[in-house]
């Protein structure tokens, strides 16, 4: 079933070169900057289309890049509450203060949104093997969504990463490589292992679609505040 997505193409955020939406390259071939997903908004969208939809991030499907519902790899992400921090606001003389509680996401952080979208769109593009350097939450999220789609995740993390994150990825079936040093060193080791680009690199700002998942936080906040 079609999602009704308005997604049209990819575009370099720096030089503006357009790429076909079927493009599997993750960055601009001219200036090596990240590509962004673009949408056709010549006809607007009315807020009323959200009425009755499930309270998750896929309620904004027209403004997301996945075009067929069969490619959505979901664990129930999105729809997190906006909490009123009344005591803190009063103590610090704010008129009001709110916090989006992303700890209720399926993998415990907002990283679930971005990796959910990256994995879903990769599935639509026919890809199923991924890699990422991580110090924790992103690795857990990629492991979870890759396991859901029955794909393969290659996780590179510093050997000082808390054990709970290492175990989390391993339990979900990811192939975990522990690297001496920092997350930068983990990224370098991953890049060396992936020189032939056999794995889809979902490092932050290395592909266009994690951002598309994260932006739904903004949509939800706007909706929580009744678009004011």
N, C-alpha and C. Protein backbone atom coordinates (compact mmCIF):
# COMPACT_ATOMS: atom_id res chain seq x y z
N UNK A 1 0.84 -1.20 0.00
CA UNK A 1 0.00 0.00 0.00
C UNK A 1 0.88 1.25 0.00
N UNK A 2 0.53 2.21 -0.84
CA UNK A 2 1.30 3.43 -0.92
C UNK A 2 1.05 4.32 0.31
N UNK A 3 2.10 5.02 0.73
CA UNK A 3 2.00 5.89 1.90
C UNK A 3 1.45 7.27 1.55
N UNK A 4 1.51 7.64 0.27
CA UNK A 4 1.14 9.00 -0.12
C UNK A 4 2.26 9.99 0.09
N UNK A 5 3.50 9.47 0.22
CA UNK A 5 4.65 10.33 0.44
C UNK A 5 4.82 11.35 -0.68
N UNK A 6 5.18 12.58 -0.30
CA UNK A 6 5.47 13.64 -1.27
C UNK A 6 6.97 13.68 -1.65
N UNK A 7 7.70 12.69 -1.23
CA UNK A 7 9.14 12.62 -1.49
C UNK A 7 9.42 12.59 -2.99
N UNK A 8 10.31 13.48 -3.44
CA UNK A 8 10.58 13.59 -4.88
C UNK A 8 12.02 13.29 -5.27
N UNK A 9 12.99 13.77 -4.48
CA UNK A 9 14.39 13.59 -4.86
C UNK A 9 15.31 13.91 -3.70
N UNK A 10 16.60 13.68 -3.93
CA UNK A 10 17.64 14.07 -2.98
C UNK A 10 18.35 15.31 -3.51
N UNK A 11 18.88 16.11 -2.58
CA UNK A 11 19.54 17.35 -3.00
C UNK A 11 20.71 17.64 -2.08
N UNK A 12 21.83 18.05 -2.65
CA UNK A 12 22.98 18.45 -1.85
C UNK A 12 22.65 19.74 -1.11
N UNK A 13 22.88 19.74 0.19
CA UNK A 13 22.49 20.93 0.97
C UNK A 13 23.41 22.11 0.71
N UNK A 14 24.58 21.85 0.13
CA UNK A 14 25.52 22.95 -0.12
C UNK A 14 25.43 23.49 -1.53
N UNK A 15 25.58 22.62 -2.54
CA UNK A 15 25.64 23.12 -3.92
C UNK A 15 24.31 22.98 -4.67
N UNK A 16 23.34 22.25 -4.08
CA UNK A 16 22.01 22.19 -4.66
C UNK A 16 21.82 21.19 -5.78
N UNK A 17 22.83 20.39 -6.09
CA UNK A 17 22.69 19.39 -7.14
C UNK A 17 21.62 18.36 -6.73
N UNK A 18 20.73 18.04 -7.66
CA UNK A 18 19.65 17.10 -7.39
C UNK A 18 20.05 15.69 -7.81
N UNK A 19 19.58 14.72 -7.05
CA UNK A 19 19.82 13.31 -7.33
C UNK A 19 18.49 12.57 -7.31
N UNK A 20 18.36 11.56 -8.13
CA UNK A 20 17.13 10.78 -8.18
C UNK A 20 16.86 10.12 -6.83
N UNK A 21 15.58 9.96 -6.50
CA UNK A 21 15.24 9.39 -5.20
C UNK A 21 15.64 7.93 -5.07
N UNK A 22 15.95 7.29 -6.19
CA UNK A 22 16.42 5.90 -6.15
C UNK A 22 17.93 5.82 -5.91
N UNK A 23 18.56 6.99 -5.84
CA UNK A 23 20.02 7.07 -5.68
C UNK A 23 20.46 6.39 -4.39
N UNK A 24 21.49 5.56 -4.47
CA UNK A 24 22.01 4.89 -3.28
C UNK A 24 23.30 5.55 -2.79
N UNK A 25 23.79 6.55 -3.51
CA UNK A 25 24.94 7.29 -3.02
C UNK A 25 24.52 8.11 -1.82
N UNK A 26 25.38 8.22 -0.84
CA UNK A 26 24.98 8.86 0.40
C UNK A 26 25.45 10.30 0.54
N UNK A 27 26.21 10.80 -0.44
CA UNK A 27 26.70 12.17 -0.36
C UNK A 27 26.88 12.73 -1.77
N UNK A 28 27.03 14.03 -1.86
CA UNK A 28 27.16 14.69 -3.15
C UNK A 28 28.48 14.29 -3.82
N UNK A 29 28.41 13.89 -5.06
CA UNK A 29 29.61 13.48 -5.78
C UNK A 29 30.49 14.67 -6.18
N UNK A 30 29.93 15.89 -6.10
CA UNK A 30 30.68 17.09 -6.49
C UNK A 30 31.42 17.71 -5.30
N UNK A 31 30.71 17.88 -4.18
CA UNK A 31 31.34 18.56 -3.03
C UNK A 31 31.41 17.70 -1.78
N UNK A 32 30.96 16.46 -1.89
CA UNK A 32 31.05 15.48 -0.80
C UNK A 32 30.33 15.92 0.47
N UNK A 33 29.27 16.69 0.30
CA UNK A 33 28.45 17.08 1.44
C UNK A 33 27.20 16.19 1.49
N UNK A 34 26.53 16.15 2.66
CA UNK A 34 25.36 15.27 2.80
C UNK A 34 24.20 15.67 1.88
N UNK A 35 23.44 14.67 1.48
CA UNK A 35 22.23 14.89 0.69
C UNK A 35 21.02 14.98 1.62
N UNK A 36 20.03 15.75 1.19
CA UNK A 36 18.79 15.92 1.95
C UNK A 36 17.60 15.47 1.12
N UNK A 37 16.60 14.89 1.77
CA UNK A 37 15.37 14.50 1.09
C UNK A 37 14.52 15.74 0.83
N UNK A 38 13.93 15.82 -0.36
CA UNK A 38 13.07 16.95 -0.72
C UNK A 38 11.67 16.44 -1.08
N UNK A 39 10.68 17.31 -0.90
CA UNK A 39 9.28 16.94 -1.06
C UNK A 39 8.55 17.95 -1.94
N UNK A 40 7.53 17.47 -2.64
CA UNK A 40 6.70 18.33 -3.48
C UNK A 40 5.58 18.92 -2.63
N UNK A 41 5.68 20.22 -2.37
CA UNK A 41 4.67 20.88 -1.55
C UNK A 41 3.91 21.95 -2.34
N UNK A 42 3.81 21.74 -3.68
CA UNK A 42 3.05 22.69 -4.49
C UNK A 42 1.58 22.69 -4.06
N UNK A 43 1.11 21.55 -3.58
CA UNK A 43 -0.20 21.48 -2.95
C UNK A 43 0.02 21.21 -1.47
N UNK A 44 -0.53 22.06 -0.63
CA UNK A 44 -0.31 21.94 0.80
C UNK A 44 -1.01 20.73 1.41
N UNK A 45 -0.77 20.54 2.70
CA UNK A 45 -1.41 19.49 3.47
C UNK A 45 -2.20 20.12 4.60
N UNK A 46 -3.39 19.61 4.82
CA UNK A 46 -4.23 20.14 5.90
C UNK A 46 -4.05 19.31 7.16
N UNK A 47 -4.04 19.96 8.32
CA UNK A 47 -3.86 19.26 9.58
C UNK A 47 -4.93 18.19 9.82
N UNK A 48 -6.06 18.33 9.17
CA UNK A 48 -7.16 17.39 9.40
C UNK A 48 -6.82 15.97 8.97
N UNK A 49 -5.80 15.79 8.10
CA UNK A 49 -5.45 14.44 7.66
C UNK A 49 -4.91 13.59 8.80
N UNK A 50 -4.49 14.23 9.90
CA UNK A 50 -3.94 13.50 11.03
C UNK A 50 -5.02 12.90 11.92
N UNK A 51 -6.23 13.34 11.76
CA UNK A 51 -7.33 12.88 12.61
C UNK A 51 -7.52 11.37 12.49
N UNK A 52 -7.50 10.69 13.62
CA UNK A 52 -7.74 9.25 13.65
C UNK A 52 -6.53 8.39 13.36
N UNK A 53 -5.40 9.01 13.05
CA UNK A 53 -4.21 8.22 12.77
C UNK A 53 -3.54 7.75 14.06
N UNK A 54 -2.81 6.66 13.95
CA UNK A 54 -2.07 6.10 15.07
C UNK A 54 -1.06 7.13 15.59
N UNK A 55 -0.88 7.16 16.89
CA UNK A 55 -0.01 8.16 17.51
C UNK A 55 1.44 7.67 17.50
N UNK A 56 2.03 7.62 16.32
CA UNK A 56 3.44 7.32 16.18
C UNK A 56 4.02 8.21 15.10
N UNK A 57 5.31 8.07 14.84
CA UNK A 57 5.92 9.03 13.91
C UNK A 57 5.47 8.84 12.47
N UNK A 58 4.88 7.71 12.17
CA UNK A 58 4.44 7.44 10.80
C UNK A 58 3.12 8.13 10.47
N UNK A 59 2.54 8.83 11.43
CA UNK A 59 1.32 9.60 11.15
C UNK A 59 1.61 10.75 10.18
N UNK A 60 2.89 11.10 10.06
CA UNK A 60 3.30 12.18 9.16
C UNK A 60 3.84 11.62 7.84
N UNK A 61 3.27 10.52 7.39
CA UNK A 61 3.81 9.73 6.28
C UNK A 61 3.98 10.52 4.98
N UNK A 62 3.13 11.53 4.75
CA UNK A 62 3.27 12.31 3.52
C UNK A 62 4.60 13.06 3.47
N UNK A 63 5.15 13.37 4.63
CA UNK A 63 6.39 14.14 4.72
C UNK A 63 7.57 13.27 5.15
N UNK A 64 7.47 11.98 4.86
CA UNK A 64 8.54 11.03 5.13
C UNK A 64 8.89 10.32 3.81
N UNK A 65 10.10 9.79 3.67
CA UNK A 65 10.55 9.31 2.37
C UNK A 65 10.12 7.90 1.99
N UNK A 66 9.58 7.12 2.92
CA UNK A 66 9.18 5.75 2.59
C UNK A 66 7.87 5.79 1.80
N UNK A 67 7.85 5.11 0.66
CA UNK A 67 6.71 5.24 -0.26
C UNK A 67 5.75 4.07 -0.26
N UNK A 68 6.14 2.96 0.36
CA UNK A 68 5.26 1.78 0.43
C UNK A 68 5.24 1.27 1.85
N UNK A 69 4.05 1.05 2.39
CA UNK A 69 3.93 0.66 3.80
C UNK A 69 4.60 -0.66 4.11
N UNK A 70 4.77 -1.52 3.12
CA UNK A 70 5.40 -2.82 3.37
C UNK A 70 6.88 -2.68 3.72
N UNK A 71 7.44 -1.51 3.47
CA UNK A 71 8.85 -1.29 3.78
C UNK A 71 9.08 -0.60 5.13
N UNK A 72 8.02 -0.26 5.82
CA UNK A 72 8.15 0.37 7.13
C UNK A 72 8.58 -0.67 8.15
N UNK A 73 9.74 -0.44 8.76
CA UNK A 73 10.27 -1.32 9.81
C UNK A 73 10.04 -0.59 11.14
N UNK A 74 9.03 -0.99 11.87
CA UNK A 74 8.63 -0.23 13.04
C UNK A 74 8.61 -1.07 14.31
N UNK A 75 8.96 -0.42 15.41
CA UNK A 75 8.85 -1.00 16.74
C UNK A 75 7.95 -0.14 17.63
N UNK A 76 7.21 0.79 16.99
CA UNK A 76 6.30 1.65 17.74
C UNK A 76 6.90 2.98 18.15
N UNK A 77 7.84 3.47 17.37
CA UNK A 77 8.55 4.71 17.68
C UNK A 77 7.67 5.94 17.48
N UNK A 78 7.97 6.97 18.22
CA UNK A 78 7.21 8.22 18.11
C UNK A 78 6.06 8.28 19.10
N UNK A 79 5.37 9.41 19.09
CA UNK A 79 4.24 9.59 20.00
C UNK A 79 4.64 9.73 21.45
N UNK A 80 5.85 10.22 21.71
CA UNK A 80 6.32 10.40 23.09
C UNK A 80 5.69 11.65 23.71
N UNK A 81 5.54 11.65 25.04
CA UNK A 81 4.83 12.77 25.68
C UNK A 81 5.67 14.03 25.81
N UNK A 82 4.98 15.15 25.87
CA UNK A 82 5.60 16.44 26.16
C UNK A 82 5.24 16.78 27.61
N UNK A 83 6.24 16.77 28.47
CA UNK A 83 5.99 16.91 29.91
C UNK A 83 6.10 18.37 30.35
N UNK A 84 5.23 18.75 31.28
CA UNK A 84 5.27 20.09 31.88
C UNK A 84 6.25 20.06 33.06
N UNK A 85 7.31 20.87 32.99
CA UNK A 85 8.28 20.96 34.07
C UNK A 85 7.94 22.15 34.96
N UNK A 86 6.84 22.04 35.64
CA UNK A 86 6.30 23.19 36.38
C UNK A 86 7.22 23.65 37.51
N UNK A 87 7.75 22.72 38.27
CA UNK A 87 8.61 23.10 39.40
C UNK A 87 9.87 23.79 38.93
N UNK A 88 10.51 23.22 37.91
CA UNK A 88 11.74 23.80 37.38
C UNK A 88 11.45 25.18 36.79
N UNK A 89 10.34 25.28 36.07
CA UNK A 89 9.97 26.57 35.48
C UNK A 89 9.78 27.63 36.55
N UNK A 90 9.10 27.25 37.64
CA UNK A 90 8.85 28.21 38.72
C UNK A 90 10.15 28.62 39.40
N UNK A 91 11.03 27.66 39.63
CA UNK A 91 12.30 27.94 40.30
C UNK A 91 13.21 28.86 39.49
N UNK A 92 13.05 28.84 38.16
CA UNK A 92 13.94 29.61 37.30
C UNK A 92 13.22 30.71 36.52
N UNK A 93 12.03 31.04 36.98
CA UNK A 93 11.27 32.17 36.45
C UNK A 93 10.92 32.06 34.96
N UNK A 94 10.62 30.84 34.53
CA UNK A 94 10.08 30.64 33.19
C UNK A 94 8.56 30.68 33.27
N UNK A 95 7.94 31.26 32.24
CA UNK A 95 6.47 31.24 32.20
C UNK A 95 5.97 29.81 32.07
N UNK A 96 6.64 29.02 31.21
CA UNK A 96 6.33 27.61 31.08
C UNK A 96 7.56 26.90 30.50
N UNK A 97 7.67 25.63 30.78
CA UNK A 97 8.80 24.85 30.30
C UNK A 97 8.34 23.41 30.08
N UNK A 98 8.67 22.86 28.93
CA UNK A 98 8.25 21.50 28.61
C UNK A 98 9.46 20.68 28.15
N UNK A 99 9.34 19.36 28.33
CA UNK A 99 10.40 18.45 27.91
C UNK A 99 9.80 17.28 27.15
N UNK A 100 10.37 17.00 25.96
CA UNK A 100 9.94 15.85 25.18
C UNK A 100 10.65 14.62 25.73
N UNK A 101 9.87 13.64 26.17
CA UNK A 101 10.44 12.48 26.85
C UNK A 101 10.72 11.35 25.86
N UNK A 102 11.89 11.41 25.22
CA UNK A 102 12.26 10.41 24.23
C UNK A 102 12.78 9.11 24.86
N UNK A 103 12.91 9.09 26.18
CA UNK A 103 13.36 7.85 26.84
C UNK A 103 12.32 6.73 26.69
N UNK A 104 11.11 7.09 26.30
CA UNK A 104 10.05 6.10 26.12
C UNK A 104 10.06 5.50 24.71
N UNK A 105 11.03 5.90 23.88
CA UNK A 105 11.17 5.30 22.55
C UNK A 105 11.57 3.84 22.68
N UNK A 106 11.33 3.02 21.65
CA UNK A 106 11.57 1.58 21.75
C UNK A 106 12.97 1.19 22.21
N UNK A 107 13.99 1.95 21.79
CA UNK A 107 15.35 1.62 22.21
C UNK A 107 15.89 2.61 23.24
N UNK A 108 15.01 3.41 23.84
CA UNK A 108 15.40 4.24 24.97
C UNK A 108 15.94 5.61 24.66
N UNK A 109 15.95 6.01 23.38
CA UNK A 109 16.43 7.36 23.06
C UNK A 109 15.85 7.80 21.72
N UNK A 110 16.07 9.08 21.39
CA UNK A 110 15.55 9.63 20.12
C UNK A 110 16.24 8.99 18.92
N UNK A 111 17.35 8.28 19.14
CA UNK A 111 18.05 7.63 18.03
C UNK A 111 17.16 6.60 17.33
N UNK A 112 16.15 6.10 18.04
CA UNK A 112 15.23 5.13 17.43
C UNK A 112 14.56 5.72 16.19
N UNK A 113 14.19 6.99 16.24
CA UNK A 113 13.48 7.61 15.10
C UNK A 113 14.35 7.61 13.84
N UNK A 114 15.57 8.08 14.00
CA UNK A 114 16.44 8.19 12.84
C UNK A 114 16.85 6.85 12.26
N UNK A 115 17.21 5.91 13.12
CA UNK A 115 17.64 4.61 12.61
C UNK A 115 16.47 3.81 12.06
N UNK A 116 15.28 3.99 12.63
CA UNK A 116 14.08 3.38 12.08
C UNK A 116 13.87 3.84 10.64
N UNK A 117 13.99 5.15 10.41
CA UNK A 117 13.77 5.68 9.07
C UNK A 117 14.86 5.24 8.11
N UNK A 118 16.12 5.25 8.56
CA UNK A 118 17.22 4.84 7.69
C UNK A 118 17.08 3.39 7.27
N UNK A 119 16.73 2.52 8.21
CA UNK A 119 16.57 1.10 7.90
C UNK A 119 15.36 0.88 6.99
N UNK A 120 14.28 1.58 7.26
CA UNK A 120 13.07 1.43 6.44
C UNK A 120 13.32 1.85 4.99
N UNK A 121 13.97 3.00 4.81
CA UNK A 121 14.24 3.46 3.44
C UNK A 121 15.27 2.57 2.76
N UNK A 122 16.24 2.08 3.51
CA UNK A 122 17.21 1.16 2.94
C UNK A 122 16.53 -0.11 2.44
N UNK A 123 15.56 -0.60 3.22
CA UNK A 123 14.79 -1.77 2.80
C UNK A 123 14.10 -1.49 1.47
N UNK A 124 13.53 -0.28 1.35
CA UNK A 124 12.84 0.09 0.12
C UNK A 124 13.81 0.15 -1.07
N UNK A 125 15.06 0.47 -0.79
CA UNK A 125 16.09 0.55 -1.83
C UNK A 125 16.75 -0.80 -2.09
N UNK A 126 16.31 -1.84 -1.35
CA UNK A 126 16.85 -3.18 -1.56
C UNK A 126 18.13 -3.47 -0.80
N UNK A 127 18.40 -2.68 0.25
CA UNK A 127 19.62 -2.85 1.04
C UNK A 127 19.30 -3.50 2.39
N UNK A 128 20.21 -4.29 2.91
CA UNK A 128 19.92 -4.93 4.18
C UNK A 128 21.13 -5.12 5.10
N UNK A 129 22.29 -4.57 4.70
CA UNK A 129 23.48 -4.71 5.52
C UNK A 129 24.01 -3.31 5.84
N UNK A 130 24.23 -3.04 7.14
CA UNK A 130 24.50 -1.70 7.62
C UNK A 130 25.76 -1.66 8.49
N UNK A 131 26.31 -0.45 8.64
CA UNK A 131 27.41 -0.27 9.60
C UNK A 131 27.29 1.09 10.25
N UNK A 132 27.85 1.19 11.47
CA UNK A 132 27.80 2.44 12.21
C UNK A 132 28.86 2.42 13.31
N UNK A 133 29.53 3.57 13.56
CA UNK A 133 30.35 3.70 14.76
C UNK A 133 29.47 4.29 15.86
N UNK A 134 29.63 3.84 17.08
CA UNK A 134 28.71 4.28 18.13
C UNK A 134 29.35 4.18 19.50
N UNK A 135 28.86 5.02 20.39
CA UNK A 135 29.25 4.91 21.80
C UNK A 135 28.08 4.42 22.63
N UNK A 136 26.99 3.99 21.96
CA UNK A 136 25.87 3.47 22.74
C UNK A 136 24.53 3.43 22.06
N UNK A 137 23.76 4.51 22.19
CA UNK A 137 22.35 4.50 21.80
C UNK A 137 22.11 4.24 20.31
N UNK A 138 22.92 4.82 19.44
CA UNK A 138 22.71 4.62 18.01
C UNK A 138 22.96 3.17 17.62
N UNK A 139 23.95 2.55 18.24
CA UNK A 139 24.23 1.14 17.97
C UNK A 139 23.08 0.25 18.39
N UNK A 140 22.51 0.53 19.55
CA UNK A 140 21.36 -0.23 20.02
C UNK A 140 20.18 -0.09 19.08
N UNK A 141 19.94 1.14 18.61
CA UNK A 141 18.82 1.38 17.71
C UNK A 141 19.01 0.67 16.37
N UNK A 142 20.21 0.79 15.80
CA UNK A 142 20.47 0.11 14.53
C UNK A 142 20.33 -1.40 14.68
N UNK A 143 20.85 -1.94 15.78
CA UNK A 143 20.76 -3.38 16.02
C UNK A 143 19.31 -3.84 16.08
N UNK A 144 18.48 -3.06 16.77
CA UNK A 144 17.07 -3.43 16.94
C UNK A 144 16.32 -3.42 15.62
N UNK A 145 16.46 -2.35 14.85
CA UNK A 145 15.70 -2.25 13.60
C UNK A 145 16.24 -3.18 12.53
N UNK A 146 17.53 -3.42 12.54
CA UNK A 146 18.09 -4.38 11.60
C UNK A 146 17.62 -5.79 11.92
N UNK A 147 17.55 -6.11 13.21
CA UNK A 147 17.02 -7.42 13.63
C UNK A 147 15.57 -7.58 13.19
N UNK A 148 14.79 -6.50 13.31
CA UNK A 148 13.38 -6.53 12.93
C UNK A 148 13.24 -6.82 11.44
N UNK A 149 14.10 -6.25 10.61
CA UNK A 149 14.01 -6.46 9.16
C UNK A 149 14.77 -7.70 8.69
N UNK A 150 15.41 -8.40 9.63
CA UNK A 150 16.23 -9.59 9.33
C UNK A 150 17.41 -9.23 8.44
N UNK A 151 18.02 -8.09 8.76
CA UNK A 151 19.22 -7.66 8.07
C UNK A 151 20.45 -7.94 8.91
N UNK A 152 21.56 -7.26 8.56
CA UNK A 152 22.83 -7.46 9.25
C UNK A 152 23.38 -6.10 9.66
N UNK A 153 23.75 -5.98 10.93
CA UNK A 153 24.32 -4.73 11.44
C UNK A 153 25.76 -4.96 11.88
N UNK A 154 26.66 -4.10 11.41
CA UNK A 154 28.07 -4.13 11.82
C UNK A 154 28.29 -2.92 12.72
N UNK A 155 28.50 -3.17 14.00
CA UNK A 155 28.62 -2.12 15.00
C UNK A 155 30.08 -1.98 15.43
N UNK A 156 30.61 -0.79 15.29
CA UNK A 156 31.97 -0.50 15.74
C UNK A 156 31.89 0.45 16.93
N UNK A 157 32.44 0.03 18.07
CA UNK A 157 32.35 0.86 19.26
C UNK A 157 33.66 0.85 20.05
N UNK A 158 33.95 1.96 20.74
CA UNK A 158 35.14 1.98 21.60
C UNK A 158 35.05 0.86 22.65
N UNK A 159 36.18 0.26 22.97
CA UNK A 159 36.16 -0.84 23.94
C UNK A 159 35.80 -0.38 25.35
N UNK A 160 35.78 0.94 25.58
CA UNK A 160 35.38 1.45 26.89
C UNK A 160 33.87 1.73 26.96
N UNK A 161 33.15 1.45 25.88
CA UNK A 161 31.70 1.63 25.87
C UNK A 161 31.09 0.77 26.98
N UNK A 162 30.13 1.33 27.76
CA UNK A 162 29.52 0.54 28.83
C UNK A 162 29.05 -0.83 28.34
N UNK A 163 29.28 -1.83 29.16
CA UNK A 163 28.97 -3.21 28.79
C UNK A 163 27.52 -3.39 28.36
N UNK A 164 26.61 -2.64 28.98
CA UNK A 164 25.19 -2.81 28.68
C UNK A 164 24.92 -2.54 27.19
N UNK A 165 25.62 -1.57 26.60
CA UNK A 165 25.42 -1.28 25.18
C UNK A 165 26.04 -2.36 24.30
N UNK A 166 27.20 -2.87 24.70
CA UNK A 166 27.82 -3.95 23.94
C UNK A 166 26.90 -5.17 23.92
N UNK A 167 26.41 -5.54 25.10
CA UNK A 167 25.54 -6.70 25.21
C UNK A 167 24.24 -6.49 24.46
N UNK A 168 23.72 -5.28 24.52
CA UNK A 168 22.45 -4.95 23.86
C UNK A 168 22.55 -5.26 22.36
N UNK A 169 23.62 -4.78 21.74
CA UNK A 169 23.81 -5.00 20.30
C UNK A 169 24.01 -6.48 19.99
N UNK A 170 24.82 -7.14 20.79
CA UNK A 170 25.13 -8.55 20.55
C UNK A 170 23.90 -9.44 20.71
N UNK A 171 23.11 -9.17 21.72
CA UNK A 171 21.91 -9.96 21.97
C UNK A 171 20.93 -9.87 20.80
N UNK A 172 20.90 -8.69 20.15
CA UNK A 172 20.00 -8.51 19.01
C UNK A 172 20.61 -9.00 17.70
N UNK A 173 21.76 -9.63 17.78
CA UNK A 173 22.34 -10.28 16.61
C UNK A 173 23.31 -9.47 15.80
N UNK A 174 23.66 -8.27 16.27
CA UNK A 174 24.61 -7.44 15.53
C UNK A 174 26.02 -8.00 15.64
N UNK A 175 26.85 -7.72 14.64
CA UNK A 175 28.25 -8.09 14.65
C UNK A 175 29.03 -6.93 15.24
N UNK A 176 29.49 -7.08 16.47
CA UNK A 176 30.10 -5.98 17.22
C UNK A 176 31.62 -6.08 17.18
N UNK A 177 32.27 -4.99 16.79
CA UNK A 177 33.72 -4.90 16.81
C UNK A 177 34.11 -3.82 17.81
N UNK A 178 34.89 -4.20 18.81
CA UNK A 178 35.33 -3.25 19.84
C UNK A 178 36.72 -2.73 19.47
N UNK A 179 36.85 -1.40 19.49
CA UNK A 179 38.06 -0.74 19.02
C UNK A 179 38.71 0.03 20.14
N UNK A 180 40.01 -0.10 20.27
CA UNK A 180 40.75 0.66 21.28
C UNK A 180 40.75 2.14 20.91
N UNK A 181 40.35 2.99 21.85
CA UNK A 181 40.33 4.42 21.60
C UNK A 181 38.95 5.02 21.68
N UNK A 182 38.72 6.08 20.91
CA UNK A 182 37.48 6.85 20.95
C UNK A 182 36.52 6.42 19.85
N UNK A 183 35.36 7.07 19.81
CA UNK A 183 34.41 6.80 18.73
C UNK A 183 35.00 7.21 17.37
N UNK A 184 35.89 8.19 17.37
CA UNK A 184 36.58 8.56 16.13
C UNK A 184 37.41 7.38 15.62
N UNK A 185 38.09 6.70 16.54
CA UNK A 185 38.89 5.53 16.17
C UNK A 185 37.98 4.40 15.67
N UNK A 186 36.83 4.26 16.32
CA UNK A 186 35.87 3.24 15.88
C UNK A 186 35.40 3.53 14.47
N UNK A 187 35.15 4.82 14.19
CA UNK A 187 34.72 5.21 12.85
C UNK A 187 35.80 4.94 11.80
N UNK A 188 37.06 5.18 12.18
CA UNK A 188 38.16 4.92 11.25
C UNK A 188 38.30 3.44 10.95
N UNK A 189 38.13 2.61 11.98
CA UNK A 189 38.21 1.16 11.79
C UNK A 189 37.08 0.66 10.89
N UNK A 190 35.90 1.22 11.10
CA UNK A 190 34.75 0.84 10.27
C UNK A 190 34.97 1.26 8.83
N UNK A 191 35.47 2.46 8.62
CA UNK A 191 35.72 2.95 7.27
C UNK A 191 36.73 2.06 6.55
N UNK A 192 37.75 1.61 7.28
CA UNK A 192 38.75 0.72 6.71
C UNK A 192 38.12 -0.60 6.29
N UNK A 193 37.24 -1.14 7.12
CA UNK A 193 36.60 -2.42 6.83
C UNK A 193 35.57 -2.31 5.71
N UNK A 194 35.08 -1.09 5.48
CA UNK A 194 34.01 -0.87 4.50
C UNK A 194 34.50 -0.08 3.28
N UNK A 195 35.76 -0.26 2.92
CA UNK A 195 36.33 0.51 1.81
C UNK A 195 35.59 0.29 0.49
N UNK A 196 35.05 -0.90 0.31
CA UNK A 196 34.33 -1.18 -0.93
C UNK A 196 32.84 -0.85 -0.84
N UNK A 197 32.46 -0.16 0.26
CA UNK A 197 31.06 0.28 0.45
C UNK A 197 30.07 -0.88 0.34
N UNK A 198 30.46 -2.02 0.86
CA UNK A 198 29.56 -3.19 0.81
C UNK A 198 28.43 -3.07 1.83
N UNK A 199 28.65 -2.21 2.83
CA UNK A 199 27.63 -1.98 3.85
C UNK A 199 27.07 -0.56 3.70
N UNK A 200 25.79 -0.38 3.99
CA UNK A 200 25.15 0.96 3.97
C UNK A 200 25.59 1.69 5.25
N UNK A 201 26.32 2.76 5.10
CA UNK A 201 26.88 3.51 6.22
C UNK A 201 25.82 4.47 6.76
N UNK A 202 25.37 4.23 7.99
CA UNK A 202 24.34 5.09 8.59
C UNK A 202 24.92 5.98 9.69
N UNK A 203 26.20 6.28 9.56
CA UNK A 203 26.81 7.28 10.44
C UNK A 203 26.05 8.60 10.32
N UNK A 204 25.97 9.35 11.40
CA UNK A 204 25.28 10.65 11.37
C UNK A 204 25.79 11.50 10.22
N UNK A 205 24.85 12.00 9.42
CA UNK A 205 25.11 12.86 8.26
C UNK A 205 25.88 12.16 7.13
N UNK A 206 25.91 10.84 7.14
CA UNK A 206 26.50 10.09 6.04
C UNK A 206 25.43 9.57 5.09
N UNK A 207 24.17 9.64 5.49
CA UNK A 207 23.05 9.26 4.62
C UNK A 207 21.90 10.21 4.90
N UNK A 208 20.91 10.30 4.03
CA UNK A 208 19.90 11.36 4.14
C UNK A 208 18.75 11.08 5.10
N UNK A 209 18.57 9.85 5.56
CA UNK A 209 17.26 9.49 6.10
C UNK A 209 17.14 9.48 7.63
N UNK A 210 18.26 9.41 8.34
CA UNK A 210 18.15 9.52 9.81
C UNK A 210 17.52 10.86 10.18
N UNK A 211 17.94 11.91 9.48
CA UNK A 211 17.38 13.24 9.74
C UNK A 211 15.87 13.27 9.55
N UNK A 212 15.38 12.52 8.57
CA UNK A 212 13.95 12.50 8.29
C UNK A 212 13.16 11.88 9.44
N UNK A 213 13.75 10.93 10.12
CA UNK A 213 13.09 10.36 11.30
C UNK A 213 13.13 11.32 12.48
N UNK A 214 14.27 11.94 12.68
CA UNK A 214 14.43 12.85 13.82
C UNK A 214 13.51 14.07 13.72
N UNK A 215 13.24 14.53 12.50
CA UNK A 215 12.44 15.75 12.34
C UNK A 215 11.02 15.57 12.86
N UNK A 216 10.57 14.32 12.99
CA UNK A 216 9.21 14.10 13.48
C UNK A 216 9.05 14.54 14.93
N UNK A 217 10.16 14.68 15.66
CA UNK A 217 10.08 15.27 17.01
C UNK A 217 9.49 16.67 16.91
N UNK A 218 9.96 17.43 15.93
CA UNK A 218 9.45 18.79 15.73
C UNK A 218 7.98 18.80 15.35
N UNK A 219 7.58 17.88 14.48
CA UNK A 219 6.17 17.79 14.10
C UNK A 219 5.31 17.50 15.32
N UNK A 220 5.77 16.59 16.16
CA UNK A 220 4.98 16.23 17.34
C UNK A 220 4.87 17.39 18.32
N UNK A 221 5.98 18.11 18.50
CA UNK A 221 5.93 19.27 19.41
C UNK A 221 4.94 20.30 18.88
N UNK A 222 4.97 20.57 17.58
CA UNK A 222 4.03 21.52 16.99
C UNK A 222 2.59 21.05 17.20
N UNK A 223 2.37 19.76 17.04
CA UNK A 223 1.02 19.24 17.22
C UNK A 223 0.59 19.28 18.69
N UNK A 224 1.51 18.94 19.59
CA UNK A 224 1.23 19.05 21.03
C UNK A 224 0.80 20.46 21.41
N UNK A 225 1.44 21.46 20.80
CA UNK A 225 1.17 22.86 21.12
C UNK A 225 0.07 23.45 20.25
N UNK A 226 -0.69 22.55 19.59
CA UNK A 226 -1.82 22.94 18.76
C UNK A 226 -1.42 23.93 17.67
N UNK A 227 -0.21 23.73 17.14
CA UNK A 227 0.31 24.47 16.00
C UNK A 227 0.53 25.95 16.29
N UNK A 228 0.56 26.30 17.57
CA UNK A 228 0.82 27.70 17.95
C UNK A 228 2.29 27.89 18.32
